[in-house]
Structures are given as C-alpha cells and as structure tokens.
Protein backbone atom coordinates (compact mmCIF):
# COMPACT_ATOMS: atom_id res chain seq x y z
CA UNK A 1 -135.94 114.63 191.41
CA UNK A 2 -136.05 110.86 190.91
CA UNK A 3 -133.45 109.56 188.43
CA UNK A 4 -134.94 107.91 185.38
CA UNK A 5 -134.55 104.13 185.37
CA UNK A 6 -132.76 103.97 182.02
CA UNK A 7 -129.98 106.14 183.45
CA UNK A 8 -129.13 103.26 185.78
CA UNK A 9 -129.63 100.00 183.86
CA UNK A 10 -130.67 98.73 180.40
CA UNK A 11 -134.35 97.85 179.92
CA UNK A 12 -133.80 94.08 180.09
CA UNK A 13 -131.88 94.36 183.35
CA UNK A 14 -134.65 96.49 184.86
CA UNK A 15 -137.24 93.93 183.83
CA UNK A 16 -135.05 91.19 185.31
CA UNK A 17 -135.09 93.02 188.67
CA UNK A 18 -138.88 93.11 188.51
CA UNK A 19 -139.12 89.43 187.59
CA UNK A 20 -136.79 88.38 190.40
CA UNK A 21 -138.80 90.35 192.96
CA UNK A 22 -142.07 88.84 191.75
CA UNK A 23 -140.59 85.33 191.76
CA UNK A 24 -139.32 85.84 195.32
CA UNK A 25 -142.72 87.10 196.49
CA UNK A 26 -144.69 84.32 194.84
CA UNK A 27 -142.28 81.73 196.21
CA UNK A 28 -142.68 83.03 199.76
CA UNK A 29 -146.45 83.25 199.58
CA UNK A 30 -146.52 79.69 198.30
CA UNK A 31 -144.28 78.65 201.20
CA UNK A 32 -146.85 80.09 203.60
CA UNK A 33 -149.55 77.99 201.94
CA UNK A 34 -147.44 74.83 202.05
CA UNK A 35 -146.63 75.46 205.72
CA UNK A 36 -150.32 75.64 206.62
CA UNK A 37 -150.83 72.35 204.74
CA UNK A 38 -148.10 70.73 206.81
CA UNK A 39 -145.75 70.15 203.88
CA UNK A 40 -143.14 72.47 205.40
CA UNK A 41 -142.38 71.97 209.09
CA UNK A 42 -140.16 73.61 211.68
CA UNK A 43 -139.56 77.36 211.63
CA UNK A 44 -140.34 79.32 208.47
CA UNK A 45 -139.27 82.97 208.15
CA UNK A 46 -140.68 84.71 205.08
CA UNK A 47 -139.16 87.58 203.11
CA UNK A 48 -142.30 89.22 201.69
CA UNK A 49 -141.76 92.98 201.56
CA UNK A 50 -137.96 92.87 201.60
CA UNK A 51 -137.43 91.67 198.02
CA UNK A 52 -135.80 94.91 196.84
CA UNK A 53 -132.83 94.29 199.13
CA UNK A 54 -131.94 90.78 197.95
CA UNK A 55 -132.61 91.56 194.29
CA UNK A 56 -130.94 94.97 194.16
CA UNK A 57 -127.94 93.86 196.20
CA UNK A 58 -127.30 90.68 194.22
CA UNK A 59 -127.45 92.64 190.97
CA UNK A 60 -124.70 94.91 192.30
CA UNK A 61 -122.34 92.02 193.12
CA UNK A 62 -120.14 89.81 190.94
CA UNK A 63 -120.89 86.11 190.41
CA UNK A 64 -117.63 85.20 192.15
CA UNK A 65 -118.48 87.19 195.28
CA UNK A 66 -119.49 85.20 198.32
CA UNK A 67 -122.99 85.72 199.73
CA UNK A 68 -123.98 84.80 203.29
CA UNK A 69 -127.31 85.38 204.96
CA UNK A 70 -129.39 84.67 208.04
CA UNK A 71 -132.47 82.41 208.25
CA UNK A 72 -134.73 84.61 206.06
CA UNK A 73 -132.70 83.63 203.01
CA UNK A 74 -134.91 81.92 200.41
CA UNK A 75 -134.91 84.99 198.17
CA UNK A 76 -131.15 85.49 198.41
CA UNK A 77 -130.57 81.89 197.29
CA UNK A 78 -133.06 82.01 194.41
CA UNK A 79 -131.93 85.41 193.16
CA UNK A 80 -128.33 84.19 193.28
CA UNK A 81 -129.34 81.41 190.91
CA UNK A 82 -130.56 78.48 193.00
CA UNK A 83 -133.25 76.40 191.26
CA UNK A 84 -136.61 77.25 192.92
CA UNK A 85 -137.60 73.59 192.58
CA UNK A 86 -134.60 72.43 194.61
CA UNK A 87 -135.13 75.19 197.18
CA UNK A 88 -138.76 74.17 197.65
CA UNK A 89 -137.72 70.51 197.86
CA UNK A 90 -135.26 71.47 200.60
CA UNK A 91 -138.05 73.15 202.54
CA UNK A 92 -140.09 69.96 202.15
CA UNK A 93 -137.13 67.94 203.48
CA UNK A 94 -136.78 65.98 200.24
CA UNK A 95 -133.67 64.29 198.83
CA UNK A 96 -133.69 66.55 195.76
CA UNK A 97 -133.25 69.67 197.90
CA UNK A 98 -130.19 71.91 197.65
CA UNK A 99 -128.88 70.29 200.86
CA UNK A 100 -130.46 66.85 200.26
CA UNK A 101 -133.31 67.76 202.61
CA UNK A 102 -130.98 68.02 205.61
CA UNK A 103 -130.88 71.79 205.98
CA UNK A 104 -134.42 72.99 205.60
CA UNK A 105 -135.60 76.58 205.48
CA UNK A 106 -132.87 78.14 207.58
CA UNK A 107 -129.81 76.39 206.16
CA UNK A 108 -129.83 76.79 202.38
CA UNK A 109 -126.30 76.38 201.00
CA UNK A 110 -124.93 76.16 197.45
CA UNK A 111 -121.15 76.61 197.11
CA UNK A 112 -121.37 76.23 193.32
CA UNK A 113 -123.15 79.61 193.35
CA UNK A 114 -120.84 81.02 196.05
CA UNK A 115 -123.93 81.12 198.24
CA UNK A 116 -122.27 80.17 201.50
CA UNK A 117 -125.29 79.61 203.62
CA UNK A 118 -128.21 80.78 205.62
CA UNK A 119 -127.53 80.62 209.37
CA UNK A 120 -130.09 79.92 212.06
CA UNK A 121 -127.78 81.15 214.83
CA UNK A 122 -128.28 84.92 215.05
CA UNK A 123 -124.98 86.50 214.01
CA UNK A 124 -123.49 83.15 213.04
CA UNK A 125 -122.64 84.38 209.55
CA UNK A 126 -120.44 87.32 210.64
CA UNK A 127 -117.20 85.46 211.48
CA UNK A 128 -117.66 83.14 208.49
CA UNK A 129 -117.94 86.13 206.16
CA UNK A 130 -114.76 87.57 207.66
CA UNK A 131 -113.02 84.22 207.21
CA UNK A 132 -114.07 83.96 203.56
CA UNK A 133 -112.87 87.53 202.95
CA UNK A 134 -109.55 86.69 204.61
CA UNK A 135 -109.18 83.65 202.34
CA UNK A 136 -109.97 85.72 199.25
CA UNK A 137 -107.39 88.34 200.20
CA UNK A 138 -104.76 85.72 201.09
CA UNK A 139 -105.25 84.03 197.71
CA UNK A 140 -105.27 87.42 195.95
CA UNK A 141 -108.68 86.69 194.42
CA UNK A 142 -110.90 89.39 192.94
CA UNK A 143 -113.89 88.67 195.14
CA UNK A 144 -115.57 90.05 198.23
CA UNK A 145 -117.84 88.59 200.91
CA UNK A 146 -121.33 90.12 201.10
CA UNK A 147 -122.90 89.42 204.49
CA UNK A 148 -126.67 89.92 204.91
CA UNK A 149 -128.17 90.16 208.39
CA UNK A 150 -131.12 91.68 210.23
CA UNK A 151 -131.23 94.55 212.70
CA UNK A 152 -131.73 92.03 215.49
CA UNK A 153 -128.20 90.66 214.95
CA UNK A 154 -126.30 93.87 215.66
CA UNK A 155 -126.29 93.39 219.43
CA UNK A 156 -124.49 90.07 219.11
CA UNK A 157 -120.85 89.90 220.13
CA UNK A 158 -119.96 88.38 216.76
CA UNK A 159 -121.15 91.58 215.06
CA UNK A 160 -118.67 93.75 216.93
CA UNK A 161 -115.82 91.24 216.81
CA UNK A 162 -116.25 90.73 213.08
CA UNK A 163 -116.40 94.44 212.21
CA UNK A 164 -113.31 94.99 214.33
CA UNK A 165 -111.30 92.22 212.66
CA UNK A 166 -112.51 93.17 209.19
CA UNK A 167 -111.12 96.68 209.71
CA UNK A 168 -107.94 95.63 211.53
CA UNK A 169 -107.01 93.11 208.82
CA UNK A 170 -108.39 95.29 206.00
CA UNK A 171 -110.64 92.57 204.64
CA UNK A 172 -113.02 92.80 201.65
CA UNK A 173 -116.34 92.42 203.48
CA UNK A 174 -119.56 94.23 202.58
CA UNK A 175 -121.90 94.17 205.57
CA UNK A 176 -125.58 94.56 204.51
CA UNK A 177 -128.03 95.16 207.35
CA UNK A 178 -131.67 94.56 206.43
CA UNK A 179 -133.28 96.81 209.01
CA UNK A 180 -136.95 95.79 209.12
CA UNK A 181 -137.30 97.45 212.57
CA UNK A 182 -138.06 94.31 214.56
CA UNK A 183 -135.84 91.66 216.10
CA UNK A 184 -138.62 89.07 216.41
CA UNK A 185 -141.09 91.33 218.25
CA UNK A 186 -138.74 93.93 219.73
CA UNK A 187 -138.56 97.25 217.90
CA UNK A 188 -135.04 98.44 217.14
CA UNK A 189 -135.25 101.63 219.23
CA UNK A 190 -136.10 99.51 222.29
CA UNK A 191 -133.08 97.23 221.90
CA UNK A 192 -130.44 99.58 220.54
CA UNK A 193 -129.18 102.79 222.12
CA UNK A 194 -128.36 103.95 218.59
CA UNK A 195 -131.30 103.08 216.35
CA UNK A 196 -129.51 104.43 213.24
CA UNK A 197 -127.60 101.20 212.82
CA UNK A 198 -125.20 102.38 210.11
CA UNK A 199 -123.75 104.93 212.55
CA UNK A 200 -122.45 102.13 214.77
CA UNK A 201 -119.55 101.57 212.41
CA UNK A 202 -117.81 104.78 213.49
CA UNK A 203 -116.33 102.79 216.38
CA UNK A 204 -114.49 100.64 213.84
CA UNK A 205 -113.60 103.32 211.26
CA UNK A 206 -115.75 101.60 208.62
CA UNK A 207 -117.56 103.80 206.08
CA UNK A 208 -121.32 103.32 206.00
CA UNK A 209 -124.53 104.64 204.51
CA UNK A 210 -128.27 104.19 204.74
CA UNK A 211 -130.39 103.32 201.70
CA UNK A 212 -134.11 102.96 200.99
CA UNK A 213 -134.53 99.19 201.09
CA UNK A 214 -137.96 99.44 199.44
CA UNK A 215 -136.43 100.82 196.22
CA UNK A 216 -134.65 98.10 194.24
CA UNK A 217 -132.79 100.57 192.02
CA UNK A 218 -131.57 102.59 195.00
CA UNK A 219 -130.31 99.37 196.62
CA UNK A 220 -128.59 98.31 193.40
CA UNK A 221 -126.78 101.65 193.06
CA UNK A 222 -125.68 101.69 196.71
CA UNK A 223 -124.43 98.11 196.68
CA UNK A 224 -122.67 98.45 193.33
CA UNK A 225 -120.79 101.52 194.58
CA UNK A 226 -119.96 99.95 197.95
CA UNK A 227 -118.89 96.62 196.43
CA UNK A 228 -116.48 98.34 194.07
CA UNK A 229 -115.02 100.38 196.94
CA UNK A 230 -114.49 97.18 198.92
CA UNK A 231 -112.95 95.49 195.88
CA UNK A 232 -110.58 98.38 195.14
CA UNK A 233 -109.44 99.09 198.69
CA UNK A 234 -109.82 95.70 200.44
CA UNK A 235 -111.51 97.61 203.25
CA UNK A 236 -114.94 96.75 204.72
CA UNK A 237 -118.05 98.82 204.02
CA UNK A 238 -121.47 98.86 205.69
CA UNK A 239 -124.93 99.39 204.17
CA UNK A 240 -128.12 99.78 206.21
CA UNK A 241 -131.11 99.02 203.97
CA UNK A 242 -134.30 100.24 205.63
CA UNK A 243 -137.06 97.79 204.76
CA UNK A 244 -140.15 96.07 206.20
CA UNK A 245 -141.41 92.52 206.43
CA UNK A 246 -145.11 92.21 205.63
CA UNK A 247 -145.52 89.07 207.74
CA UNK A 248 -144.53 88.25 211.29
CA UNK A 249 -141.07 87.15 212.35
CA UNK A 250 -141.99 83.58 211.42
CA UNK A 251 -145.15 81.71 210.48
CA UNK A 252 -145.71 81.18 214.20
CA UNK A 253 -145.84 84.94 214.83
CA UNK A 254 -149.13 86.87 214.44
CA UNK A 255 -147.19 90.18 214.72
CA UNK A 256 -149.64 91.78 217.15
CA UNK A 257 -146.87 94.09 218.40
CA UNK A 258 -147.25 96.17 215.21
CA UNK A 259 -150.11 98.57 214.56
CA UNK A 260 -152.39 98.23 211.57
CA UNK A 261 -151.60 101.83 210.61
CA UNK A 262 -147.85 101.15 210.55
CA UNK A 263 -148.34 98.05 208.43
CA UNK A 264 -150.52 99.92 205.94
CA UNK A 265 -147.98 102.74 205.56
CA UNK A 266 -145.25 100.29 204.65
CA UNK A 267 -147.56 98.15 202.51
CA UNK A 268 -148.17 101.26 200.40
CA UNK A 269 -144.43 101.30 199.72
CA UNK A 270 -144.36 97.72 198.40
CA UNK A 271 -141.26 97.58 196.14
CA UNK A 272 -142.92 95.43 193.45
CA UNK A 273 -145.85 97.69 192.39
CA UNK A 274 -143.56 100.69 192.95
CA UNK A 275 -141.13 99.45 190.31
CA UNK A 276 -143.98 98.34 188.03
CA UNK A 277 -145.44 101.85 188.12
CA UNK A 278 -142.12 103.41 187.14
CA UNK A 279 -141.48 100.88 184.36
CA UNK A 280 -144.82 101.66 182.75
CA UNK A 281 -144.61 105.42 183.35
CA UNK A 282 -141.20 105.58 181.65
CA UNK A 283 -142.50 103.45 178.75
CA UNK A 284 -139.99 100.67 179.37
CA UNK A 285 -142.78 98.11 179.32
CA UNK A 286 -146.55 97.71 179.49
CA UNK A 287 -149.01 96.46 182.08
CA UNK A 288 -149.70 93.48 179.80
CA UNK A 289 -146.03 92.52 179.68
CA UNK A 290 -145.73 92.78 183.46
CA UNK A 291 -148.80 90.58 183.85
CA UNK A 292 -147.08 88.03 181.65
CA UNK A 293 -144.02 88.11 183.91
CA UNK A 294 -146.22 87.56 186.97
CA UNK A 295 -147.91 84.57 185.31
CA UNK A 296 -144.51 83.12 184.37
CA UNK A 297 -143.31 83.43 187.98
CA UNK A 298 -146.48 81.89 189.35
CA UNK A 299 -146.05 78.93 186.97
CA UNK A 300 -142.43 78.48 188.13
CA UNK A 301 -143.53 78.39 191.76
CA UNK A 302 -146.34 75.93 191.03
CA UNK A 303 -143.81 73.74 189.22
CA UNK A 304 -141.50 73.98 192.25
CA UNK A 305 -144.25 72.78 194.59
CA UNK A 306 -145.11 69.89 192.25
CA UNK A 307 -141.43 68.92 192.04
CA UNK A 308 -141.11 68.98 195.84
CA UNK A 309 -144.28 66.95 196.35
CA UNK A 310 -143.16 64.27 193.88
CA UNK A 311 -139.55 64.08 195.09
CA UNK A 312 -138.40 61.16 197.27
CA UNK A 313 -137.51 61.36 200.92
CA UNK A 314 -133.82 60.86 201.77
CA UNK A 315 -132.74 57.26 202.30
CA UNK A 316 -132.15 56.25 205.92
CA UNK A 317 -128.45 55.74 205.11
CA UNK A 318 -128.12 59.47 204.35
CA UNK A 319 -127.92 60.14 208.08
CA UNK A 320 -124.31 58.83 207.93
CA UNK A 321 -123.24 61.02 205.00
CA UNK A 322 -121.89 64.59 205.03
CA UNK A 323 -120.57 64.20 208.58
CA UNK A 324 -117.31 66.00 209.30
CA UNK A 325 -116.58 64.80 212.84
C-alpha cells in the first residue's frame, strides 16, 4: 500500500516539491523554444521527465553538501537555489549568467550554493566528487558529496576508479545514477553486461539500492536515508534512480531509436501529474491551487527569458579573466 504523503513531509514541503518540478519542466520547455529561435546555441540536453530525481534528491541533502552533475544539469542548479534568470542568461551566453556567459548549458557552476558544476566530459565529475569528499573528511566537515550521473557514464574508467577510491579511503560520497535507459541512443542492456546498474557496486563493497525515479517522494526518502548513512559512517553509498527523458539525448536528437509505445508508457508515469493527483486525493491542496503554482512558475520562466534577452554580452576583455594557467 502506498504511504500517505503527510507521513513523509509537511504539506508546505510537499507543495514545494511540486513547485520545483513544475519550474524545472517549464524552464526546460522554454529552453527548447529558445534553442529553436537561435537564442541558445551549442549542445542543449533537456531534463524533461527526470524532474523527480533532482527535486527529491536535493530535498534529501543538506545545504552544505556538495552537488555535482553531468551536462543535463539545469534542474539540479535551479532546485539547489540558482536564480533561473541567471541560469537562462548563462544559456544565452550573456554576462549576467552564473558563469558570466562562459560556461553555457553544460557547465553551470555556483560554489556559493555548493553546486560544484555540470561536466560535459562523460564521467568527468566522478574524481572531482571523490576529491571534494576527501577534502570534507580531511577538514572534519559535516558534509558529503552527491554526484549525479547518467547510465551512459558507468562504463567510463573514472566510474570504477572513483568507486574504488571512495571505498578504499572511506569517503563520504553519495553516487546517484539517473538511469534513463539510453546513453545517447544506445540502450543500457546493449552497452552493459549488467543492466541493473546498482548491482555493479558489489565489486567495491559499496551498499546500493534502486528507487523509482518517477516518484519524487520515493526519491526523497531513499536519498535522505542514504545521505545520513554516508554522513554517519563516512562510507560511500549508491542509488540507481530509474527514470526517463521525454526528449532525445539533446535538441539535435530526434530519438528515433525509441518506440512510440515505450514513450507513451513512460509519459503516463510523468512525475508531475502523478504528484498532483496524490496531493489533491489526500486533500493537501486543490486543483485551483496547483494551477496557481503552474502560472507562477510560467511567469518566473518568462521573466528569466526576458532577463536573458535584455542582458549584455560579455566584454571582449573578459576572455583574459578567470584563467588559471
């Protein structure tokens, strides 16, 4: 039997989860529109369908915990607290962006929020997460490193090296695999001899579990439990969140490798209307209130686009700033 929502979180926190998922979805759909208009260039990887993972996981972490992600990271940054206006401006390449317009879609970074980056190199975030966890342990800080990545990253050498070192050095890393079944266009069972990704950790003596990544409350509960275990023991933990992206790998991908039937099955499990249905059924809120939340999120996204459009381009001299070598 499904646990009632109020047994997990207070009403306002449940509504916040809903609002963050709607904001993430509206932001991504607007990004698709701005990409087709030519306002966003380069590669653009959208998160539509996977919102329950970013929202549920972030709610289960502490503000001081580090978060790292891959290149499908807009939602993780916004849910962590990044201003949607500055994120959109970054995607536009404007000076007001979170990285002054120098990072773009795949390289969002905001150390003030302990959001330590999106990484365009597949698996690039693994060793950095391990390094941040090592630093936290060395300094005796009460924080962990939460590392998000896709199923396509688990065949990288950095994945295996990082899990090995995290266990050998007993580091506080929470590995969060967003298994959306496709590494670009290759289905996971065609690229991995063990398609149940969480079972791979047995080779490193790291506890793991699989969670329904289309259920924001289930993700929250799993991450909260795992994060506290990592915090208490300073040992790594691994979560496989089974989810689905509603769009192709990037805006350049028509996703013809997936069947219409498969897409429709997963679309019927959309985490946003699923949570809305439960919130209304359990009399936590009303359809009218949820509509108001959707309108609020849409207005925030429209404001973000306007801010990005009106923001200045970086000065030519900026090319000489923020250079380390």
